[in-house]
Amino acid sequence: MYLRRAEMRDLPQIETIIQDGKELLRAQNIDQWQGNYPDTKVLVDDIQNGHTMVLVDHNEVLGTAAVIPAPDKSYTGIDGEWLTKDDHYVSIHRVAVSAKHRGQGLSGKLFDAMFAEIDKAATVDGIRIDTHPQNKGMQHVIKKNGFH
């Protein structure tokens, strides 16, 4: 199992995993990712910009996330403040794991691998992540991975 940058050939598997996430959130009555977001255009842009990371085992994409370098326009007007005040951060968005492999600790493996990759960048002082207020599952993953 390893982490790598996504390629366009990964798009069908990434879209399936994102759809899995949408269905899980819908089943929990959470309105995050309901509707068109994230859509194919967002996923293609992430891949083409080199932002999408995929956790892979035997040519199967098990998990995906977008690691966006600063400044991240998603965070220009937030209610609150970040621990890091400058632009030496990356943001993690669109985290999802395959429904076929839930319960195998893949989110932890995905985060560990992303952290190892992010640590290679000497200019990164912080990592930003957020989720929907009702998404208790992702909040648990975020806290478990050391975020405040």
C-alpha atoms as a PDB file:
ATOM      1  CA  MET A   1       0.000   0.000   0.000  1.00  0.00           C
ATOM      2  CA  TYR A   2       1.402   3.385  -0.960  1.00  0.00           C
ATOM      3  CA  LEU A   3       0.466   7.012  -1.596  1.00  0.00           C
ATOM      4  CA  ARG A   4       0.987   8.758  -4.918  1.00  0.00           C
ATOM      5  CA  ARG A   5      -0.281  11.709  -6.903  1.00  0.00           C
ATOM      6  CA  ALA A   6      -3.407  10.858  -8.839  1.00  0.00           C
ATOM      7  CA  GLU A   7      -3.369  10.589 -12.605  1.00  0.00           C
ATOM      8  CA  MET A   8      -6.282  11.069 -14.962  1.00  0.00           C
ATOM      9  CA  ARG A   9      -6.575   7.289 -15.329  1.00  0.00           C
ATOM     10  CA  ASP A  10      -7.556   7.219 -11.616  1.00  0.00           C
ATOM     11  CA  LEU A  11     -10.574   9.495 -12.142  1.00  0.00           C
ATOM     12  CA  PRO A  12     -13.212   6.722 -12.441  1.00  0.00           C
ATOM     13  CA  GLN A  13     -12.079   5.135  -9.162  1.00  0.00           C
ATOM     14  CA  ILE A  14     -11.880   8.529  -7.439  1.00  0.00           C
ATOM     15  CA  GLU A  15     -15.393   9.402  -8.614  1.00  0.00           C
ATOM     16  CA  THR A  16     -16.678   6.078  -7.262  1.00  0.00           C
ATOM     17  CA  ILE A  17     -15.047   6.735  -3.888  1.00  0.00           C
ATOM     18  CA  ILE A  18     -16.469  10.274  -3.746  1.00  0.00           C
ATOM     19  CA  GLN A  19     -19.906   8.856  -4.612  1.00  0.00           C
ATOM     20  CA  ASP A  20     -19.448   6.303  -1.783  1.00  0.00           C
ATOM     21  CA  GLY A  21     -18.797   9.231   0.555  1.00  0.00           C
ATOM     22  CA  LYS A  22     -21.855  11.111  -0.669  1.00  0.00           C
ATOM     23  CA  GLU A  23     -24.036   8.056  -0.090  1.00  0.00           C
ATOM     24  CA  LEU A  24     -22.637   7.520   3.423  1.00  0.00           C
ATOM     25  CA  LEU A  25     -23.310  11.153   4.315  1.00  0.00           C
ATOM     26  CA  ARG A  26     -26.819  10.950   2.826  1.00  0.00           C
ATOM     27  CA  ALA A  27     -27.544   7.822   4.886  1.00  0.00           C
ATOM     28  CA  GLN A  28     -26.504   9.758   8.010  1.00  0.00           C
ATOM     29  CA  ASN A  29     -28.759  12.702   7.048  1.00  0.00           C
ATOM     30  CA  ILE A  30     -25.758  15.016   6.686  1.00  0.00           C
ATOM     31  CA  ASP A  31     -26.142  17.548   3.892  1.00  0.00           C
ATOM     32  CA  GLN A  32     -22.399  17.726   3.181  1.00  0.00           C
ATOM     33  CA  TRP A  33     -21.508  16.743  -0.404  1.00  0.00           C
ATOM     34  CA  GLN A  34     -25.161  16.448  -1.365  1.00  0.00           C
ATOM     35  CA  GLY A  35     -25.961  17.794  -4.801  1.00  0.00           C
ATOM     36  CA  ASN A  36     -23.256  18.451  -7.346  1.00  0.00           C
ATOM     37  CA  TYR A  37     -20.245  19.081  -5.105  1.00  0.00           C
ATOM     38  CA  PRO A  38     -17.659  17.721  -5.496  1.00  0.00           C
ATOM     39  CA  ASP A  39     -18.296  17.184  -9.173  1.00  0.00           C
ATOM     40  CA  THR A  40     -16.154  15.831 -11.988  1.00  0.00           C
ATOM     41  CA  LYS A  41     -14.809  19.302 -12.848  1.00  0.00           C
ATOM     42  CA  VAL A  42     -13.507  19.823  -9.305  1.00  0.00           C
ATOM     43  CA  LEU A  43     -11.924  16.352  -9.277  1.00  0.00           C
ATOM     44  CA  VAL A  44     -10.332  16.844 -12.707  1.00  0.00           C
ATOM     45  CA  ASP A  45      -8.971  20.265 -11.674  1.00  0.00           C
ATOM     46  CA  ASP A  46      -7.484  18.735  -8.516  1.00  0.00           C
ATOM     47  CA  ILE A  47      -5.777  15.985 -10.522  1.00  0.00           C
ATOM     48  CA  GLN A  48      -4.518  18.317 -13.245  1.00  0.00           C
ATOM     49  CA  ASN A  49      -3.121  20.722 -10.636  1.00  0.00           C
ATOM     50  CA  GLY A  50      -1.281  17.887  -8.890  1.00  0.00           C
ATOM     51  CA  HIS A  51      -3.346  18.221  -5.705  1.00  0.00           C
ATOM     52  CA  THR A  52      -5.030  14.810  -5.522  1.00  0.00           C
ATOM     53  CA  MET A  53      -3.292  12.082  -3.562  1.00  0.00           C
ATOM     54  CA  VAL A  54      -4.462   8.475  -3.744  1.00  0.00           C
ATOM     55  CA  LEU A  55      -3.811   5.550  -1.440  1.00  0.00           C
ATOM     56  CA  VAL A  56      -3.266   2.545  -3.694  1.00  0.00           C
ATOM     57  CA  ASP A  57      -2.951  -1.195  -3.232  1.00  0.00           C
ATOM     58  CA  HIS A  58      -2.565  -3.586  -6.176  1.00  0.00           C
ATOM     59  CA  ASN A  59      -3.632  -0.871  -8.670  1.00  0.00           C
ATOM     60  CA  GLU A  60      -6.834  -0.218  -6.713  1.00  0.00           C
ATOM     61  CA  VAL A  61      -7.451   3.268  -5.340  1.00  0.00           C
ATOM     62  CA  LEU A  62      -8.521   2.793  -1.719  1.00  0.00           C
ATOM     63  CA  GLY A  63      -8.691   6.412  -0.627  1.00  0.00           C
ATOM     64  CA  THR A  64      -8.307   9.923  -1.937  1.00  0.00           C
ATOM     65  CA  ALA A  65      -7.743  13.462  -0.704  1.00  0.00           C
ATOM     66  CA  ALA A  66      -6.822  16.822  -2.183  1.00  0.00           C
ATOM     67  CA  VAL A  67      -3.798  18.557  -0.649  1.00  0.00           C
ATOM     68  CA  ILE A  68      -4.040  22.214  -1.633  1.00  0.00           C
ATOM     69  CA  PRO A  69      -1.107  24.612  -1.203  1.00  0.00           C
ATOM     70  CA  ALA A  70      -1.669  28.015   0.387  1.00  0.00           C
ATOM     71  CA  PRO A  71      -3.276  30.366  -0.036  1.00  0.00           C
ATOM     72  CA  ASP A  72      -6.492  28.355  -0.063  1.00  0.00           C
ATOM     73  CA  LYS A  73      -9.432  30.474  -1.229  1.00  0.00           C
ATOM     74  CA  SER A  74     -11.774  28.247   0.804  1.00  0.00           C
ATOM     75  CA  TYR A  75     -10.401  29.857   3.944  1.00  0.00           C
ATOM     76  CA  THR A  76     -10.424  33.543   3.056  1.00  0.00           C
ATOM     77  CA  GLY A  77     -13.445  34.325   5.232  1.00  0.00           C
ATOM     78  CA  ILE A  78     -13.837  31.873   8.107  1.00  0.00           C
ATOM     79  CA  ASP A  79     -15.523  32.224  11.475  1.00  0.00           C
ATOM     80  CA  GLY A  80     -12.557  31.553  13.746  1.00  0.00           C
ATOM     81  CA  GLU A  81      -8.815  31.591  13.343  1.00  0.00           C
ATOM     82  CA  TRP A  82      -6.006  29.225  12.437  1.00  0.00           C
ATOM     83  CA  LEU A  83      -2.982  28.246  14.497  1.00  0.00           C
ATOM     84  CA  THR A  84      -0.758  29.299  11.595  1.00  0.00           C
ATOM     85  CA  LYS A  85      -1.261  32.871  10.424  1.00  0.00           C
ATOM     86  CA  ASP A  86       0.922  32.956   7.303  1.00  0.00           C
ATOM     87  CA  ASP A  87       0.792  31.181   3.953  1.00  0.00           C
ATOM     88  CA  HIS A  88       3.137  28.346   4.930  1.00  0.00           C
ATOM     89  CA  TYR A  89       0.397  25.729   5.076  1.00  0.00           C
ATOM     90  CA  VAL A  90      -1.466  23.184   2.994  1.00  0.00           C
ATOM     91  CA  SER A  91      -5.157  22.370   3.233  1.00  0.00           C
ATOM     92  CA  ILE A  92      -6.676  18.923   3.040  1.00  0.00           C
ATOM     93  CA  HIS A  93     -10.025  18.644   1.266  1.00  0.00           C
ATOM     94  CA  ARG A  94     -12.258  15.963  -0.249  1.00  0.00           C
ATOM     95  CA  VAL A  95     -11.088  13.060   1.917  1.00  0.00           C
ATOM     96  CA  ALA A  96     -12.825   9.761   1.203  1.00  0.00           C
ATOM     97  CA  VAL A  97     -12.150   6.035   1.346  1.00  0.00           C
ATOM     98  CA  SER A  98     -13.670   3.219  -0.653  1.00  0.00           C
ATOM     99  CA  ALA A  99     -16.894   1.771   0.743  1.00  0.00           C
ATOM    100  CA  LYS A 100     -15.538  -1.678  -0.137  1.00  0.00           C
ATOM    101  CA  HIS A 101     -12.747  -1.213   2.393  1.00  0.00           C
ATOM    102  CA  ARG A 102     -14.370   0.719   5.251  1.00  0.00           C
ATOM    103  CA  GLY A 103     -13.445  -0.435   8.729  1.00  0.00           C
ATOM    104  CA  GLN A 104      -9.872  -1.315   7.751  1.00  0.00           C
ATOM    105  CA  GLY A 105      -8.233   1.813   9.169  1.00  0.00           C
ATOM    106  CA  LEU A 106      -7.651   3.306   5.735  1.00  0.00           C
ATOM    107  CA  SER A 107      -8.321   6.888   6.790  1.00  0.00           C
ATOM    108  CA  GLY A 108      -5.480   6.635   9.303  1.00  0.00           C
ATOM    109  CA  LYS A 109      -3.172   5.117   6.691  1.00  0.00           C
ATOM    110  CA  LEU A 110      -4.152   7.825   4.218  1.00  0.00           C
ATOM    111  CA  PHE A 111      -3.419  10.583   6.734  1.00  0.00           C
ATOM    112  CA  ASP A 112      -0.117   9.010   7.839  1.00  0.00           C
ATOM    113  CA  ALA A 113       1.028   8.780   4.235  1.00  0.00           C
ATOM    114  CA  MET A 114      -0.082  12.353   3.486  1.00  0.00           C
ATOM    115  CA  PHE A 115       1.725  13.650   6.580  1.00  0.00           C
ATOM    116  CA  ALA A 116       4.922  11.883   5.493  1.00  0.00           C
ATOM    117  CA  GLU A 117       4.631  13.484   2.051  1.00  0.00           C
ATOM    118  CA  ILE A 118       3.826  16.936   3.452  1.00  0.00           C
ATOM    119  CA  ASP A 119       6.795  16.697   5.854  1.00  0.00           C
ATOM    120  CA  LYS A 120       9.100  16.620   2.825  1.00  0.00           C
ATOM    121  CA  ALA A 121       8.146  20.235   2.046  1.00  0.00           C
ATOM    122  CA  ALA A 122      10.412  22.442   4.143  1.00  0.00           C
ATOM    123  CA  THR A 123       8.166  25.481   3.649  1.00  0.00           C
ATOM    124  CA  VAL A 124       5.029  23.950   5.199  1.00  0.00           C
ATOM    125  CA  ASP A 125       4.455  24.966   8.826  1.00  0.00           C
ATOM    126  CA  GLY A 126       0.855  23.841   9.185  1.00  0.00           C
ATOM    127  CA  ILE A 127      -1.956  21.741   7.801  1.00  0.00           C
ATOM    128  CA  ARG A 128      -5.545  22.964   7.677  1.00  0.00           C
ATOM    129  CA  ILE A 129      -8.629  20.793   7.501  1.00  0.00           C
ATOM    130  CA  ASP A 130     -12.307  21.207   8.264  1.00  0.00           C
ATOM    131  CA  THR A 131     -15.572  19.369   7.863  1.00  0.00           C
ATOM    132  CA  HIS A 132     -19.308  19.792   8.227  1.00  0.00           C
ATOM    133  CA  PRO A 133     -20.527  20.363  11.825  1.00  0.00           C
ATOM    134  CA  GLN A 134     -22.665  17.205  11.656  1.00  0.00           C
ATOM    135  CA  ASN A 135     -19.946  14.991  10.166  1.00  0.00           C
ATOM    136  CA  LYS A 136     -18.941  13.358  13.447  1.00  0.00           C
ATOM    137  CA  GLY A 137     -17.114  10.530  11.653  1.00  0.00           C
ATOM    138  CA  MET A 138     -14.732  12.909   9.912  1.00  0.00           C
ATOM    139  CA  GLN A 139     -14.412  15.026  13.055  1.00  0.00           C
ATOM    140  CA  HIS A 140     -13.257  11.871  14.851  1.00  0.00           C
ATOM    141  CA  VAL A 141     -10.708  11.139  12.107  1.00  0.00           C
ATOM    142  CA  ILE A 142      -9.473  14.732  12.200  1.00  0.00           C
ATOM    143  CA  LYS A 143      -9.015  14.720  15.984  1.00  0.00           C
ATOM    144  CA  LYS A 144      -7.478  11.242  15.962  1.00  0.00           C
ATOM    145  CA  ASN A 145      -4.865  12.553  13.547  1.00  0.00           C
ATOM    146  CA  GLY A 146      -3.814  15.337  15.905  1.00  0.00           C
ATOM    147  CA  PHE A 147      -5.695  18.335  14.588  1.00  0.00           C
ATOM    148  CA  HIS A 148      -6.953  21.067  16.919  1.00  0.00           C
END
